[in-house]
Amino acid sequence: MTNEQAVADIINLSEGDSSLANEIRELGGEELLECIQCAKCAAACPLALAGFSFFNKRVIQAVLMGLRDALLDDSSIWACQSCNRCTEICPREVNPFEIIQAMRRVAIREFALPTLSIEGLKSLYDTGHAVYLAGAGNTRNKVGLPEKPPSTVANPEALKELQAILRKTALAELGIIPMEEPGV
């Protein structure tokens, strides 16, 4: 590593956004300040294992440091698979998953969404799954599973309910993805 690279990685904490932690707490990350950075969540996180810049522990650390722009410029928060391993293992009941969700809410408000996230949100609205493989039915049949998983894909009423909920969110107000009511 050259000196120039090392200098580029230095963070000026005086430039941090001191309001970010409060904003995250208001948007669902109520237990943010309980985090002691023990890294148990990181040990269980697929994002950390995959090498993403901001996995659960680092998202919390960046929020506490007020690194709004760094978090918004990086797509890591959108790679979270919502497995909730971090929440299950946290000894302080911080609920790192909710902090990542809150940071996503901040990103949506600021239109800081990577293209794949927009596609995932569109898929969530259309199918009830952020990632849905339409041709997976044959594979599911081969392993003895029903063609459609027992989710919104197999339950049109549940999908309508999910869509109605999504139409009442801030995401709908932003107009990032089309959310038309049936019959409109």
C-alpha atoms as a PDB file:
ATOM      1  CA  MET A   1       0.000   0.000   0.000  1.00  0.00           C
ATOM      2  CA  THR A   2       1.381   3.395  -0.951  1.00  0.00           C
ATOM      3  CA  ASN A   3       1.207   6.477   1.256  1.00  0.00           C
ATOM      4  CA  GLU A   4      -1.379   7.955  -1.122  1.00  0.00           C
ATOM      5  CA  GLN A   5      -3.638   4.925  -0.656  1.00  0.00           C
ATOM      6  CA  ALA A   6      -3.236   5.056   3.125  1.00  0.00           C
ATOM      7  CA  VAL A   7      -4.085   8.760   3.179  1.00  0.00           C
ATOM      8  CA  ALA A   8      -7.179   8.162   1.010  1.00  0.00           C
ATOM      9  CA  ASP A   9      -8.484   5.705   3.636  1.00  0.00           C
ATOM     10  CA  ILE A  10      -8.230   8.221   6.476  1.00  0.00           C
ATOM     11  CA  ILE A  11     -11.635   9.414   7.634  1.00  0.00           C
ATOM     12  CA  ASN A  12     -12.060  12.948   8.889  1.00  0.00           C
ATOM     13  CA  LEU A  13     -14.518  12.481  11.742  1.00  0.00           C
ATOM     14  CA  SER A  14     -15.193  16.198  11.957  1.00  0.00           C
ATOM     15  CA  GLU A  15     -16.935  15.868   8.588  1.00  0.00           C
ATOM     16  CA  GLY A  16     -19.327  13.198   9.867  1.00  0.00           C
ATOM     17  CA  ASP A  17     -23.061  13.806   9.922  1.00  0.00           C
ATOM     18  CA  SER A  18     -23.952  13.877  13.611  1.00  0.00           C
ATOM     19  CA  SER A  19     -27.671  13.597  12.833  1.00  0.00           C
ATOM     20  CA  LEU A  20     -27.371  10.214  11.111  1.00  0.00           C
ATOM     21  CA  ALA A  21     -27.492   8.128  14.301  1.00  0.00           C
ATOM     22  CA  ASN A  22     -30.686   9.838  15.460  1.00  0.00           C
ATOM     23  CA  GLU A  23     -32.240   9.446  12.021  1.00  0.00           C
ATOM     24  CA  ILE A  24     -31.447   5.709  12.016  1.00  0.00           C
ATOM     25  CA  ARG A  25     -32.928   5.338  15.504  1.00  0.00           C
ATOM     26  CA  GLU A  26     -36.130   7.088  14.368  1.00  0.00           C
ATOM     27  CA  LEU A  27     -36.387   4.849  11.285  1.00  0.00           C
ATOM     28  CA  GLY A  28     -36.294   1.543  13.174  1.00  0.00           C
ATOM     29  CA  GLY A  29     -32.795   1.148  14.600  1.00  0.00           C
ATOM     30  CA  GLU A  30     -33.847   2.052  18.128  1.00  0.00           C
ATOM     31  CA  GLU A  31     -31.143  -0.048  19.820  1.00  0.00           C
ATOM     32  CA  LEU A  32     -28.257   1.405  17.779  1.00  0.00           C
ATOM     33  CA  LEU A  33     -26.507   2.906  20.790  1.00  0.00           C
ATOM     34  CA  GLU A  34     -26.483  -0.463  22.586  1.00  0.00           C
ATOM     35  CA  CYS A  35     -23.912  -1.848  20.139  1.00  0.00           C
ATOM     36  CA  ILE A  36     -20.521  -2.543  21.736  1.00  0.00           C
ATOM     37  CA  GLN A  37     -18.888  -3.612  18.434  1.00  0.00           C
ATOM     38  CA  CYS A  38     -18.289  -7.162  19.719  1.00  0.00           C
ATOM     39  CA  ALA A  39     -18.424  -8.432  16.095  1.00  0.00           C
ATOM     40  CA  LYS A  40     -20.616 -11.455  16.799  1.00  0.00           C
ATOM     41  CA  CYS A  41     -22.977 -10.190  14.103  1.00  0.00           C
ATOM     42  CA  ALA A  42     -20.083  -9.909  11.651  1.00  0.00           C
ATOM     43  CA  ALA A  43     -19.026 -13.486  12.369  1.00  0.00           C
ATOM     44  CA  ALA A  44     -22.472 -14.680  11.284  1.00  0.00           C
ATOM     45  CA  CYS A  45     -22.965 -12.309   8.342  1.00  0.00           C
ATOM     46  CA  PRO A  46     -22.840 -13.601   4.750  1.00  0.00           C
ATOM     47  CA  LEU A  47     -21.951 -10.052   3.604  1.00  0.00           C
ATOM     48  CA  ALA A  48     -18.803 -10.065   5.736  1.00  0.00           C
ATOM     49  CA  LEU A  49     -17.839 -13.480   4.381  1.00  0.00           C
ATOM     50  CA  ALA A  50     -18.437 -12.268   0.814  1.00  0.00           C
ATOM     51  CA  GLY A  51     -16.145  -9.257   1.333  1.00  0.00           C
ATOM     52  CA  PHE A  52     -18.648  -6.399   1.141  1.00  0.00           C
ATOM     53  CA  SER A  53     -17.359  -3.075   2.466  1.00  0.00           C
ATOM     54  CA  PHE A  54     -20.262  -2.475   4.821  1.00  0.00           C
ATOM     55  CA  PHE A  55     -21.630  -5.536   6.588  1.00  0.00           C
ATOM     56  CA  ASN A  56     -23.769  -5.242   9.733  1.00  0.00           C
ATOM     57  CA  LYS A  57     -21.027  -4.315  12.261  1.00  0.00           C
ATOM     58  CA  ARG A  58     -19.417  -1.836   9.885  1.00  0.00           C
ATOM     59  CA  VAL A  59     -22.778  -0.276   8.996  1.00  0.00           C
ATOM     60  CA  ILE A  60     -23.384   0.371  12.702  1.00  0.00           C
ATOM     61  CA  GLN A  61     -19.883   1.755  13.116  1.00  0.00           C
ATOM     62  CA  ALA A  62     -20.286   4.032  10.066  1.00  0.00           C
ATOM     63  CA  VAL A  63     -23.673   5.271  11.278  1.00  0.00           C
ATOM     64  CA  LEU A  64     -22.207   6.126  14.686  1.00  0.00           C
ATOM     65  CA  MET A  65     -19.368   7.970  12.966  1.00  0.00           C
ATOM     66  CA  GLY A  66     -21.861   9.872  10.789  1.00  0.00           C
ATOM     67  CA  LEU A  67     -20.526   8.528   7.494  1.00  0.00           C
ATOM     68  CA  ARG A  68     -23.750   9.119   5.577  1.00  0.00           C
ATOM     69  CA  ASP A  69     -22.113   9.708   2.187  1.00  0.00           C
ATOM     70  CA  ALA A  70     -19.873   6.636   2.448  1.00  0.00           C
ATOM     71  CA  LEU A  71     -22.878   4.454   3.231  1.00  0.00           C
ATOM     72  CA  LEU A  72     -24.983   5.992   0.462  1.00  0.00           C
ATOM     73  CA  ASP A  73     -22.182   5.677  -2.106  1.00  0.00           C
ATOM     74  CA  ASP A  74     -21.683   1.965  -1.386  1.00  0.00           C
ATOM     75  CA  SER A  75     -24.211  -0.685  -2.435  1.00  0.00           C
ATOM     76  CA  SER A  76     -23.456  -3.022   0.488  1.00  0.00           C
ATOM     77  CA  ILE A  77     -26.620  -2.203   2.437  1.00  0.00           C
ATOM     78  CA  TRP A  78     -28.620  -3.484  -0.512  1.00  0.00           C
ATOM     79  CA  ALA A  79     -26.776  -6.822  -0.527  1.00  0.00           C
ATOM     80  CA  CYS A  80     -28.127  -7.814   2.900  1.00  0.00           C
ATOM     81  CA  GLN A  81     -30.094 -11.048   2.457  1.00  0.00           C
ATOM     82  CA  SER A  82     -32.302 -10.486   5.503  1.00  0.00           C
ATOM     83  CA  CYS A  83     -31.210 -13.775   7.041  1.00  0.00           C
ATOM     84  CA  ASN A  84     -31.393 -12.234  10.538  1.00  0.00           C
ATOM     85  CA  ARG A  85     -28.429 -14.268  11.797  1.00  0.00           C
ATOM     86  CA  CYS A  86     -27.032 -11.002  13.177  1.00  0.00           C
ATOM     87  CA  THR A  87     -30.174 -10.394  15.196  1.00  0.00           C
ATOM     88  CA  GLU A  88     -30.235 -13.916  16.590  1.00  0.00           C
ATOM     89  CA  ILE A  89     -26.631 -13.806  17.778  1.00  0.00           C
ATOM     90  CA  CYS A  90     -26.424 -10.231  19.133  1.00  0.00           C
ATOM     91  CA  PRO A  91     -25.833 -10.321  22.916  1.00  0.00           C
ATOM     92  CA  ARG A  92     -27.110  -6.742  23.303  1.00  0.00           C
ATOM     93  CA  GLU A  93     -30.319  -7.165  21.261  1.00  0.00           C
ATOM     94  CA  VAL A  94     -29.206  -4.362  18.945  1.00  0.00           C
ATOM     95  CA  ASN A  95     -31.010  -5.915  15.951  1.00  0.00           C
ATOM     96  CA  PRO A  96     -28.399  -5.047  13.287  1.00  0.00           C
ATOM     97  CA  PHE A  97     -30.819  -6.100  10.546  1.00  0.00           C
ATOM     98  CA  GLU A  98     -33.201  -3.277  11.510  1.00  0.00           C
ATOM     99  CA  ILE A  99     -30.305  -0.806  11.399  1.00  0.00           C
ATOM    100  CA  ILE A 100     -29.516  -1.899   7.852  1.00  0.00           C
ATOM    101  CA  GLN A 101     -33.215  -1.552   6.985  1.00  0.00           C
ATOM    102  CA  ALA A 102     -33.227   1.944   8.485  1.00  0.00           C
ATOM    103  CA  MET A 103     -30.165   2.862   6.419  1.00  0.00           C
ATOM    104  CA  ARG A 104     -32.006   1.594   3.340  1.00  0.00           C
ATOM    105  CA  ARG A 105     -34.864   3.945   4.238  1.00  0.00           C
ATOM    106  CA  VAL A 106     -32.380   6.822   4.356  1.00  0.00           C
ATOM    107  CA  ALA A 107     -31.000   5.768   0.967  1.00  0.00           C
ATOM    108  CA  ILE A 108     -34.482   5.596  -0.548  1.00  0.00           C
ATOM    109  CA  ARG A 109     -35.257   9.096   0.714  1.00  0.00           C
ATOM    110  CA  GLU A 110     -32.090  10.347  -0.942  1.00  0.00           C
ATOM    111  CA  PHE A 111     -32.555   8.332  -4.166  1.00  0.00           C
ATOM    112  CA  ALA A 112     -29.278   6.518  -3.482  1.00  0.00           C
ATOM    113  CA  LEU A 113     -30.315   3.174  -4.914  1.00  0.00           C
ATOM    114  CA  PRO A 114     -28.204   0.951  -7.136  1.00  0.00           C
ATOM    115  CA  THR A 115     -29.956  -0.252 -10.295  1.00  0.00           C
ATOM    116  CA  LEU A 116     -30.161  -3.839  -9.044  1.00  0.00           C
ATOM    117  CA  SER A 117     -31.971  -2.639  -5.937  1.00  0.00           C
ATOM    118  CA  ILE A 118     -34.594  -0.918  -8.027  1.00  0.00           C
ATOM    119  CA  GLU A 119     -35.050  -4.161  -9.974  1.00  0.00           C
ATOM    120  CA  GLY A 120     -35.327  -6.055  -6.662  1.00  0.00           C
ATOM    121  CA  LEU A 121     -37.948  -3.633  -5.358  1.00  0.00           C
ATOM    122  CA  LYS A 122     -39.886  -3.954  -8.595  1.00  0.00           C
ATOM    123  CA  SER A 123     -39.725  -7.743  -8.291  1.00  0.00           C
ATOM    124  CA  LEU A 124     -40.839  -7.490  -4.655  1.00  0.00           C
ATOM    125  CA  TYR A 125     -43.883  -5.510  -5.741  1.00  0.00           C
ATOM    126  CA  ASP A 126     -44.662  -7.793  -8.701  1.00  0.00           C
ATOM    127  CA  THR A 127     -44.054 -11.206  -7.085  1.00  0.00           C
ATOM    128  CA  GLY A 128     -43.572 -10.696  -3.362  1.00  0.00           C
ATOM    129  CA  HIS A 129     -39.893 -11.687  -3.668  1.00  0.00           C
ATOM    130  CA  ALA A 130     -36.937  -9.349  -4.167  1.00  0.00           C
ATOM    131  CA  VAL A 131     -35.212 -12.196  -5.987  1.00  0.00           C
ATOM    132  CA  TYR A 132     -37.549 -14.572  -7.755  1.00  0.00           C
ATOM    133  CA  LEU A 133     -36.513 -17.054 -10.385  1.00  0.00           C
ATOM    134  CA  ALA A 134     -39.555 -17.554 -12.593  1.00  0.00           C
ATOM    135  CA  GLY A 135     -38.148 -20.781 -14.077  1.00  0.00           C
ATOM    136  CA  ALA A 136     -37.415 -22.410 -10.712  1.00  0.00           C
ATOM    137  CA  GLY A 137     -40.585 -24.522 -10.793  1.00  0.00           C
ATOM    138  CA  ASN A 138     -38.977 -27.395 -12.700  1.00  0.00           C
ATOM    139  CA  THR A 139     -36.047 -27.527 -10.298  1.00  0.00           C
ATOM    140  CA  ARG A 140     -38.386 -27.474  -7.317  1.00  0.00           C
ATOM    141  CA  ASN A 141     -40.384 -30.361  -8.817  1.00  0.00           C
ATOM    142  CA  LYS A 142     -37.206 -32.401  -9.361  1.00  0.00           C
ATOM    143  CA  VAL A 143     -36.390 -32.252  -5.658  1.00  0.00           C
ATOM    144  CA  GLY A 144     -39.929 -33.067  -4.581  1.00  0.00           C
ATOM    145  CA  LEU A 145     -41.152 -29.559  -3.794  1.00  0.00           C
ATOM    146  CA  PRO A 146     -44.285 -27.901  -5.144  1.00  0.00           C
ATOM    147  CA  GLU A 147     -43.701 -25.869  -8.298  1.00  0.00           C
ATOM    148  CA  LYS A 148     -44.448 -22.640  -6.424  1.00  0.00           C
ATOM    149  CA  PRO A 149     -43.094 -21.880  -2.944  1.00  0.00           C
ATOM    150  CA  PRO A 150     -45.674 -21.364  -0.165  1.00  0.00           C
ATOM    151  CA  SER A 151     -45.416 -17.607  -0.389  1.00  0.00           C
ATOM    152  CA  THR A 152     -46.992 -14.743  -2.287  1.00  0.00           C
ATOM    153  CA  VAL A 153     -46.179 -16.541  -5.531  1.00  0.00           C
ATOM    154  CA  ALA A 154     -48.693 -19.261  -4.656  1.00  0.00           C
ATOM    155  CA  ASN A 155     -51.106 -16.930  -2.862  1.00  0.00           C
ATOM    156  CA  PRO A 156     -52.473 -14.112  -5.026  1.00  0.00           C
ATOM    157  CA  GLU A 157     -54.432 -12.628  -2.114  1.00  0.00           C
ATOM    158  CA  ALA A 158     -51.238 -12.328  -0.043  1.00  0.00           C
ATOM    159  CA  LEU A 159     -49.536 -10.613  -2.984  1.00  0.00           C
ATOM    160  CA  LYS A 160     -52.410  -8.132  -3.275  1.00  0.00           C
ATOM    161  CA  GLU A 161     -52.112  -7.455   0.447  1.00  0.00           C
ATOM    162  CA  LEU A 162     -48.353  -6.898   0.166  1.00  0.00           C
ATOM    163  CA  GLN A 163     -48.853  -4.571  -2.793  1.00  0.00           C
ATOM    164  CA  ALA A 164     -51.459  -2.568  -0.860  1.00  0.00           C
ATOM    165  CA  ILE A 165     -48.987  -2.194   2.014  1.00  0.00           C
ATOM    166  CA  LEU A 166     -46.176  -1.132  -0.333  1.00  0.00           C
ATOM    167  CA  ARG A 167     -48.431   1.483  -1.941  1.00  0.00           C
ATOM    168  CA  LYS A 168     -48.757   3.129   1.502  1.00  0.00           C
ATOM    169  CA  THR A 169     -44.994   3.445   2.080  1.00  0.00           C
ATOM    170  CA  ALA A 170     -42.523   6.236   1.451  1.00  0.00           C
ATOM    171  CA  LEU A 171     -41.223   4.145  -1.443  1.00  0.00           C
ATOM    172  CA  ALA A 172     -44.532   4.612  -3.256  1.00  0.00           C
ATOM    173  CA  GLU A 173     -44.457   8.358  -2.614  1.00  0.00           C
ATOM    174  CA  LEU A 174     -41.029   8.594  -4.229  1.00  0.00           C
ATOM    175  CA  GLY A 175     -42.254   6.931  -7.425  1.00  0.00           C
ATOM    176  CA  ILE A 176     -39.092   4.898  -7.944  1.00  0.00           C
ATOM    177  CA  ILE A 177     -41.056   1.903  -9.186  1.00  0.00           C
ATOM    178  CA  PRO A 178     -44.550   1.800 -10.691  1.00  0.00           C
ATOM    179  CA  MET A 179     -47.155   0.759  -8.131  1.00  0.00           C
ATOM    180  CA  GLU A 180     -50.499   0.897  -9.811  1.00  0.00           C
ATOM    181  CA  GLU A 181     -53.568  -0.394  -8.068  1.00  0.00           C
ATOM    182  CA  PRO A 182     -55.260  -3.275  -9.872  1.00  0.00           C
ATOM    183  CA  GLY A 183     -57.915  -2.053 -12.289  1.00  0.00           C
ATOM    184  CA  VAL A 184     -56.437   1.450 -12.529  1.00  0.00           C
END
